[in-house]
Amino acid sequence: AANGGNPANGKTLFSQAVLEGNAGCATCHTTEAGKVLVGPSLAGIATRAGTTIPGTSAEDYIHQSIVDTNAHLATGCTLS
């Protein structure tokens, strides 16, 4: 994987119901296109993320979205 990432570890983390005392990724997101739980589907995120905020790379957008979950509330997010 790019930048030394480990897809198997990522899948394990994504699937956990609780991460460090917070809801895990799969609690709010799915990877199924068009399916919205609380947050939008992550299907195609690698492509969308690079064009969401002008001047921000896909990698930076995704990183910030993970470490600061309220930084960018994407279209389709049902949080208020």
N, C-alpha and C. Protein backbone atom coordinates (compact mmCIF):
# COMPACT_ATOMS: atom_id res chain seq x y z
N ALA A 1 0.84 -1.19 0.00
CA ALA A 1 0.00 0.00 0.00
C ALA A 1 0.88 1.25 0.00
N ALA A 2 0.33 2.33 -0.52
CA ALA A 2 1.06 3.59 -0.55
C ALA A 2 1.44 4.03 0.85
N ASN A 3 2.60 4.61 0.98
CA ASN A 3 3.08 5.17 2.24
C ASN A 3 3.20 4.15 3.35
N GLY A 4 3.36 2.87 3.02
CA GLY A 4 3.60 1.86 4.03
C GLY A 4 2.39 1.46 4.84
N GLY A 5 1.20 1.82 4.40
CA GLY A 5 -0.01 1.43 5.12
C GLY A 5 -0.23 -0.07 5.06
N ASN A 6 -1.04 -0.57 5.95
CA ASN A 6 -1.34 -2.00 6.00
C ASN A 6 -2.85 -2.17 5.85
N PRO A 7 -3.30 -2.56 4.65
CA PRO A 7 -4.74 -2.68 4.41
C PRO A 7 -5.45 -3.63 5.38
N ALA A 8 -4.81 -4.72 5.77
CA ALA A 8 -5.45 -5.66 6.71
C ALA A 8 -5.67 -4.99 8.07
N ASN A 9 -4.68 -4.24 8.54
CA ASN A 9 -4.83 -3.53 9.81
C ASN A 9 -5.92 -2.46 9.70
N GLY A 10 -5.96 -1.78 8.56
CA GLY A 10 -6.99 -0.76 8.35
C GLY A 10 -8.38 -1.35 8.38
N LYS A 11 -8.54 -2.51 7.75
CA LYS A 11 -9.85 -3.17 7.74
C LYS A 11 -10.26 -3.57 9.15
N THR A 12 -9.30 -4.06 9.93
CA THR A 12 -9.58 -4.44 11.32
C THR A 12 -10.00 -3.23 12.13
N LEU A 13 -9.28 -2.12 12.00
CA LEU A 13 -9.63 -0.90 12.72
C LEU A 13 -11.00 -0.38 12.30
N PHE A 14 -11.24 -0.35 11.00
CA PHE A 14 -12.52 0.14 10.48
C PHE A 14 -13.69 -0.65 11.04
N SER A 15 -13.51 -1.94 11.22
CA SER A 15 -14.59 -2.84 11.63
C SER A 15 -14.88 -2.84 13.12
N GLN A 16 -13.99 -2.27 13.93
CA GLN A 16 -14.19 -2.28 15.38
C GLN A 16 -15.34 -1.37 15.77
N ALA A 17 -16.20 -1.84 16.66
CA ALA A 17 -17.35 -1.05 17.11
C ALA A 17 -16.93 0.15 17.95
N VAL A 18 -15.83 0.00 18.71
CA VAL A 18 -15.35 1.07 19.57
C VAL A 18 -13.85 1.22 19.37
N LEU A 19 -13.40 2.46 19.18
CA LEU A 19 -11.99 2.78 19.05
C LEU A 19 -11.64 3.85 20.07
N GLU A 20 -10.79 3.53 21.00
CA GLU A 20 -10.35 4.47 22.02
C GLU A 20 -11.53 5.18 22.69
N GLY A 21 -12.57 4.43 23.00
CA GLY A 21 -13.71 4.98 23.71
C GLY A 21 -14.75 5.68 22.85
N ASN A 22 -14.52 5.73 21.56
CA ASN A 22 -15.45 6.39 20.64
C ASN A 22 -16.05 5.37 19.69
N ALA A 23 -17.14 5.73 19.06
CA ALA A 23 -17.72 4.85 18.04
C ALA A 23 -16.70 4.61 16.94
N GLY A 24 -16.58 3.36 16.54
CA GLY A 24 -15.67 3.01 15.46
C GLY A 24 -16.21 3.46 14.11
N CYS A 25 -15.36 3.43 13.10
CA CYS A 25 -15.72 3.90 11.75
C CYS A 25 -16.98 3.25 11.23
N ALA A 26 -17.06 1.92 11.32
CA ALA A 26 -18.18 1.17 10.74
C ALA A 26 -19.49 1.41 11.49
N THR A 27 -19.44 2.06 12.63
CA THR A 27 -20.67 2.42 13.34
C THR A 27 -21.44 3.47 12.55
N CYS A 28 -20.73 4.36 11.91
CA CYS A 28 -21.36 5.46 11.17
C CYS A 28 -21.24 5.36 9.65
N HIS A 29 -20.24 4.61 9.17
CA HIS A 29 -19.96 4.57 7.74
C HIS A 29 -20.01 3.14 7.21
N THR A 30 -20.32 3.04 5.92
CA THR A 30 -20.27 1.77 5.21
C THR A 30 -19.37 1.97 3.99
N THR A 31 -18.94 0.89 3.39
CA THR A 31 -18.18 0.98 2.15
C THR A 31 -19.07 0.61 0.96
N GLU A 32 -20.35 0.42 1.21
CA GLU A 32 -21.31 0.10 0.16
C GLU A 32 -21.78 1.40 -0.50
N ALA A 33 -21.58 1.50 -1.80
CA ALA A 33 -21.95 2.71 -2.53
C ALA A 33 -23.43 3.05 -2.33
N GLY A 34 -23.69 4.33 -2.03
CA GLY A 34 -25.06 4.81 -1.91
C GLY A 34 -25.75 4.50 -0.59
N LYS A 35 -25.11 3.77 0.30
CA LYS A 35 -25.73 3.43 1.58
C LYS A 35 -25.23 4.40 2.66
N VAL A 36 -26.17 5.06 3.32
CA VAL A 36 -25.83 6.02 4.37
C VAL A 36 -26.29 5.47 5.70
N LEU A 37 -25.40 5.44 6.67
CA LEU A 37 -25.78 5.08 8.05
C LEU A 37 -26.00 6.40 8.78
N VAL A 38 -25.00 6.88 9.48
CA VAL A 38 -25.04 8.22 10.08
C VAL A 38 -24.23 9.15 9.19
N GLY A 39 -23.02 8.71 8.87
CA GLY A 39 -22.16 9.44 7.94
C GLY A 39 -22.29 8.82 6.56
N PRO A 40 -21.78 9.51 5.56
CA PRO A 40 -21.92 9.02 4.19
C PRO A 40 -21.11 7.76 3.93
N SER A 41 -21.46 7.08 2.85
CA SER A 41 -20.70 5.91 2.41
C SER A 41 -19.27 6.33 2.10
N LEU A 42 -18.33 5.45 2.38
CA LEU A 42 -16.94 5.74 2.06
C LEU A 42 -16.53 5.14 0.71
N ALA A 43 -17.48 4.57 -0.01
CA ALA A 43 -17.20 4.06 -1.35
C ALA A 43 -16.71 5.21 -2.21
N GLY A 44 -15.57 5.07 -2.83
CA GLY A 44 -15.02 6.10 -3.71
C GLY A 44 -14.34 7.25 -2.99
N ILE A 45 -14.12 7.13 -1.69
CA ILE A 45 -13.53 8.23 -0.92
C ILE A 45 -12.15 8.65 -1.43
N ALA A 46 -11.37 7.70 -1.91
CA ALA A 46 -10.03 8.05 -2.39
C ALA A 46 -10.10 9.00 -3.59
N THR A 47 -11.12 8.86 -4.40
CA THR A 47 -11.29 9.74 -5.56
C THR A 47 -11.91 11.07 -5.14
N ARG A 48 -12.98 11.03 -4.35
CA ARG A 48 -13.68 12.26 -3.92
C ARG A 48 -12.82 13.16 -3.05
N ALA A 49 -12.05 12.57 -2.17
CA ALA A 49 -11.32 13.35 -1.17
C ALA A 49 -10.34 14.34 -1.78
N GLY A 50 -9.78 14.00 -2.92
CA GLY A 50 -8.81 14.89 -3.56
C GLY A 50 -9.43 16.10 -4.22
N THR A 51 -10.74 16.12 -4.35
CA THR A 51 -11.40 17.25 -5.01
C THR A 51 -12.38 17.97 -4.08
N THR A 52 -12.47 17.53 -2.85
CA THR A 52 -13.45 18.10 -1.92
C THR A 52 -13.08 19.51 -1.48
N ILE A 53 -11.82 19.72 -1.12
CA ILE A 53 -11.37 21.04 -0.66
C ILE A 53 -10.21 21.47 -1.56
N PRO A 54 -10.41 22.49 -2.38
CA PRO A 54 -9.35 22.93 -3.28
C PRO A 54 -8.03 23.16 -2.54
N GLY A 55 -6.96 22.61 -3.10
CA GLY A 55 -5.63 22.78 -2.51
C GLY A 55 -5.30 21.76 -1.44
N THR A 56 -6.23 20.88 -1.10
CA THR A 56 -6.00 19.85 -0.08
C THR A 56 -5.95 18.50 -0.77
N SER A 57 -4.87 17.76 -0.52
CA SER A 57 -4.73 16.44 -1.13
C SER A 57 -5.72 15.47 -0.51
N ALA A 58 -5.98 14.38 -1.24
CA ALA A 58 -6.87 13.34 -0.71
C ALA A 58 -6.31 12.80 0.60
N GLU A 59 -5.00 12.56 0.64
CA GLU A 59 -4.38 12.02 1.86
C GLU A 59 -4.59 12.96 3.04
N ASP A 60 -4.37 14.27 2.84
CA ASP A 60 -4.53 15.23 3.94
C ASP A 60 -5.99 15.34 4.37
N TYR A 61 -6.91 15.34 3.41
CA TYR A 61 -8.33 15.43 3.73
C TYR A 61 -8.78 14.22 4.56
N ILE A 62 -8.39 13.03 4.11
CA ILE A 62 -8.79 11.81 4.83
C ILE A 62 -8.15 11.78 6.22
N HIS A 63 -6.88 12.14 6.31
CA HIS A 63 -6.20 12.15 7.62
C HIS A 63 -6.91 13.09 8.58
N GLN A 64 -7.18 14.32 8.13
CA GLN A 64 -7.85 15.28 9.01
C GLN A 64 -9.24 14.78 9.39
N SER A 65 -9.93 14.17 8.46
CA SER A 65 -11.28 13.67 8.73
C SER A 65 -11.28 12.55 9.77
N ILE A 66 -10.19 11.80 9.83
CA ILE A 66 -10.08 10.72 10.82
C ILE A 66 -9.71 11.28 12.19
N VAL A 67 -8.73 12.17 12.24
CA VAL A 67 -8.27 12.66 13.54
C VAL A 67 -9.15 13.77 14.11
N ASP A 68 -9.90 14.46 13.26
CA ASP A 68 -10.83 15.51 13.70
C ASP A 68 -12.14 15.28 12.95
N THR A 69 -12.95 14.38 13.48
CA THR A 69 -14.13 13.91 12.74
C THR A 69 -15.14 14.99 12.41
N ASN A 70 -15.08 16.13 13.06
CA ASN A 70 -16.02 17.21 12.75
C ASN A 70 -15.41 18.29 11.86
N ALA A 71 -14.19 18.08 11.38
CA ALA A 71 -13.53 19.09 10.57
C ALA A 71 -14.28 19.35 9.26
N HIS A 72 -14.77 18.30 8.65
CA HIS A 72 -15.47 18.41 7.37
C HIS A 72 -16.68 17.48 7.43
N LEU A 73 -17.85 18.02 7.53
CA LEU A 73 -19.05 17.18 7.50
C LEU A 73 -19.49 17.06 6.05
N ALA A 74 -19.29 15.89 5.50
CA ALA A 74 -19.55 15.65 4.09
C ALA A 74 -21.04 15.64 3.78
N THR A 75 -21.36 15.92 2.53
CA THR A 75 -22.73 15.80 2.06
C THR A 75 -23.23 14.41 2.36
N GLY A 76 -24.37 14.30 2.94
CA GLY A 76 -24.92 13.01 3.30
C GLY A 76 -24.76 12.67 4.76
N CYS A 77 -24.00 13.46 5.49
CA CYS A 77 -23.82 13.22 6.92
C CYS A 77 -25.10 13.66 7.63
N THR A 78 -25.62 12.79 8.48
CA THR A 78 -26.88 13.10 9.14
C THR A 78 -26.70 13.66 10.56
N LEU A 79 -25.48 14.01 10.91
CA LEU A 79 -25.26 14.64 12.22
C LEU A 79 -25.73 16.07 12.17
N SER A 80 -26.20 16.56 13.29
CA SER A 80 -26.63 17.97 13.31
C SER A 80 -25.90 18.71 14.40
